[in-house]
């Protein structure tokens, strides 16, 4: 779950929420190695959305 929160955190910093994989990997590595504070923060955020699944594709008829 922390991984998904980190992905979302990185993507929100890019125009339109899109980043190429190299940029995403680089930014996630920076956050992952930034210390215990980031890890604890993502755990708290993930706990607020326990059913979060950003990788599951859902089609809507909207």
N, C-alpha and C. Protein backbone atom coordinates (compact mmCIF):
# COMPACT_ATOMS: atom_id res chain seq x y z
N UNK A 1 0.81 -1.19 0.00
CA UNK A 1 0.00 0.00 0.00
C UNK A 1 0.86 1.26 0.00
N UNK A 2 1.94 1.27 0.77
CA UNK A 2 2.79 2.45 0.80
C UNK A 2 3.33 2.77 -0.58
N UNK A 3 3.59 1.73 -1.36
CA UNK A 3 4.09 1.90 -2.72
C UNK A 3 3.08 2.70 -3.55
N UNK A 4 1.81 2.36 -3.45
CA UNK A 4 0.78 3.05 -4.22
C UNK A 4 0.65 4.51 -3.80
N UNK A 5 0.74 4.77 -2.51
CA UNK A 5 0.68 6.15 -2.01
C UNK A 5 1.86 6.94 -2.56
N UNK A 6 3.02 6.32 -2.61
CA UNK A 6 4.21 7.00 -3.13
C UNK A 6 4.05 7.29 -4.62
N UNK A 7 3.52 6.35 -5.36
CA UNK A 7 3.26 6.57 -6.79
C UNK A 7 2.34 7.77 -6.98
N UNK A 8 1.27 7.81 -6.22
CA UNK A 8 0.33 8.94 -6.34
C UNK A 8 0.99 10.26 -5.96
N UNK A 9 1.78 10.24 -4.92
CA UNK A 9 2.48 11.45 -4.48
C UNK A 9 3.39 11.97 -5.58
N UNK A 10 4.10 11.09 -6.23
CA UNK A 10 5.00 11.50 -7.31
C UNK A 10 4.20 12.03 -8.50
N UNK A 11 3.19 11.30 -8.91
CA UNK A 11 2.43 11.70 -10.10
C UNK A 11 1.72 13.03 -9.94
N UNK A 12 1.28 13.34 -8.74
CA UNK A 12 0.58 14.60 -8.53
C UNK A 12 1.50 15.81 -8.76
N UNK A 13 2.80 15.58 -8.70
CA UNK A 13 3.74 16.69 -8.89
C UNK A 13 4.05 16.95 -10.37
N UNK A 14 3.54 16.12 -11.26
CA UNK A 14 3.77 16.27 -12.69
C UNK A 14 2.55 16.87 -13.38
N UNK A 15 2.78 17.63 -14.46
CA UNK A 15 1.66 18.20 -15.21
C UNK A 15 0.70 17.10 -15.66
N UNK A 16 -0.55 17.29 -15.40
CA UNK A 16 -1.61 16.35 -15.77
C UNK A 16 -1.46 14.99 -15.11
N UNK A 17 -0.56 14.85 -14.14
CA UNK A 17 -0.40 13.60 -13.42
C UNK A 17 0.28 12.50 -14.21
N UNK A 18 1.01 12.86 -15.25
CA UNK A 18 1.70 11.87 -16.07
C UNK A 18 3.20 12.05 -15.97
N UNK A 19 3.93 10.93 -15.86
CA UNK A 19 5.39 10.95 -15.83
C UNK A 19 5.90 9.73 -16.59
N UNK A 20 7.05 9.89 -17.21
CA UNK A 20 7.65 8.72 -17.86
C UNK A 20 8.23 7.83 -16.77
N UNK A 21 8.38 6.55 -17.08
CA UNK A 21 8.79 5.57 -16.08
C UNK A 21 10.13 5.94 -15.43
N UNK A 22 11.08 6.44 -16.20
CA UNK A 22 12.39 6.80 -15.64
C UNK A 22 12.24 7.88 -14.57
N UNK A 23 11.41 8.87 -14.83
CA UNK A 23 11.19 9.94 -13.85
C UNK A 23 10.47 9.41 -12.61
N UNK A 24 9.49 8.56 -12.83
CA UNK A 24 8.75 7.97 -11.72
C UNK A 24 9.68 7.16 -10.82
N UNK A 25 10.51 6.32 -11.42
CA UNK A 25 11.45 5.51 -10.66
C UNK A 25 12.44 6.38 -9.88
N UNK A 26 12.96 7.43 -10.54
CA UNK A 26 13.92 8.32 -9.88
C UNK A 26 13.29 9.00 -8.68
N UNK A 27 12.12 9.57 -8.87
CA UNK A 27 11.46 10.30 -7.79
C UNK A 27 11.06 9.37 -6.64
N UNK A 28 10.61 8.17 -6.97
CA UNK A 28 10.24 7.21 -5.93
C UNK A 28 11.47 6.78 -5.14
N UNK A 29 12.61 6.62 -5.82
CA UNK A 29 13.84 6.26 -5.12
C UNK A 29 14.27 7.35 -4.16
N UNK A 30 14.10 8.59 -4.57
CA UNK A 30 14.43 9.71 -3.69
C UNK A 30 13.56 9.67 -2.44
N UNK A 31 12.26 9.49 -2.62
CA UNK A 31 11.37 9.44 -1.47
C UNK A 31 11.65 8.22 -0.58
N UNK A 32 11.90 7.09 -1.22
CA UNK A 32 12.13 5.86 -0.46
C UNK A 32 13.39 5.94 0.40
N UNK A 33 14.35 6.72 -0.02
CA UNK A 33 15.60 6.83 0.73
C UNK A 33 15.68 8.12 1.52
N UNK A 34 14.58 8.82 1.63
CA UNK A 34 14.60 10.12 2.31
C UNK A 34 14.49 10.00 3.83
N UNK A 35 14.34 8.80 4.32
CA UNK A 35 14.33 8.61 5.77
C UNK A 35 13.03 8.04 6.29
N UNK A 36 13.05 7.80 7.57
CA UNK A 36 11.91 7.16 8.23
C UNK A 36 10.66 8.03 8.21
N UNK A 37 10.84 9.32 8.17
CA UNK A 37 9.69 10.23 8.18
C UNK A 37 8.75 9.96 7.00
N UNK A 38 9.31 9.79 5.81
CA UNK A 38 8.46 9.52 4.64
C UNK A 38 7.76 8.18 4.77
N UNK A 39 8.46 7.18 5.24
CA UNK A 39 7.87 5.85 5.42
C UNK A 39 6.69 5.91 6.40
N UNK A 40 6.88 6.60 7.48
CA UNK A 40 5.80 6.72 8.47
C UNK A 40 4.62 7.51 7.91
N UNK A 41 4.92 8.53 7.14
CA UNK A 41 3.86 9.34 6.53
C UNK A 41 3.03 8.50 5.56
N UNK A 42 3.69 7.72 4.72
CA UNK A 42 2.94 6.90 3.76
C UNK A 42 2.12 5.84 4.46
N UNK A 43 2.61 5.30 5.57
CA UNK A 43 1.83 4.33 6.33
C UNK A 43 0.55 4.96 6.86
N UNK A 44 0.65 6.18 7.37
CA UNK A 44 -0.54 6.88 7.87
C UNK A 44 -1.52 7.17 6.74
N UNK A 45 -1.01 7.63 5.60
CA UNK A 45 -1.88 7.90 4.46
C UNK A 45 -2.54 6.63 3.95
N UNK A 46 -1.78 5.56 3.85
CA UNK A 46 -2.33 4.29 3.37
C UNK A 46 -3.40 3.75 4.30
N UNK A 47 -3.25 3.97 5.57
CA UNK A 47 -4.24 3.50 6.54
C UNK A 47 -5.59 4.19 6.34
N UNK A 48 -5.57 5.38 5.76
CA UNK A 48 -6.82 6.13 5.54
C UNK A 48 -7.59 5.61 4.32
N UNK A 49 -6.91 4.88 3.44
CA UNK A 49 -7.56 4.33 2.24
C UNK A 49 -7.18 2.86 2.07
N UNK A 50 -7.65 2.01 2.96
CA UNK A 50 -7.22 0.60 2.95
C UNK A 50 -7.59 -0.16 1.68
N UNK A 51 -8.59 0.28 0.94
CA UNK A 51 -9.00 -0.43 -0.27
C UNK A 51 -8.40 0.16 -1.54
N UNK A 52 -7.45 1.05 -1.40
CA UNK A 52 -6.83 1.68 -2.55
C UNK A 52 -6.15 0.65 -3.44
N UNK A 53 -6.45 0.70 -4.72
CA UNK A 53 -5.80 -0.17 -5.69
C UNK A 53 -5.68 0.60 -6.99
N UNK A 54 -4.57 1.30 -7.15
CA UNK A 54 -4.42 2.16 -8.33
C UNK A 54 -4.05 1.37 -9.58
N UNK A 55 -3.75 0.10 -9.44
CA UNK A 55 -3.34 -0.70 -10.58
C UNK A 55 -4.46 -1.54 -11.17
N UNK A 56 -5.59 -1.59 -10.52
CA UNK A 56 -6.73 -2.35 -11.03
C UNK A 56 -7.49 -1.44 -12.00
N UNK A 57 -7.76 -1.95 -13.16
CA UNK A 57 -8.47 -1.16 -14.16
C UNK A 57 -9.96 -1.38 -13.97
N UNK A 58 -10.68 -0.30 -13.82
CA UNK A 58 -12.14 -0.36 -13.70
C UNK A 58 -12.74 0.46 -14.81
N UNK A 59 -13.67 -0.10 -15.50
CA UNK A 59 -14.35 0.61 -16.59
C UNK A 59 -15.65 1.17 -16.06
N UNK A 60 -15.92 2.36 -16.45
CA UNK A 60 -17.14 3.03 -16.02
C UNK A 60 -18.01 3.31 -17.24
N UNK A 61 -19.29 3.27 -17.04
CA UNK A 61 -20.21 3.57 -18.14
C UNK A 61 -20.68 5.01 -18.09
N UNK A 62 -19.92 5.86 -17.43
CA UNK A 62 -20.29 7.27 -17.30
C UNK A 62 -20.13 7.99 -18.58
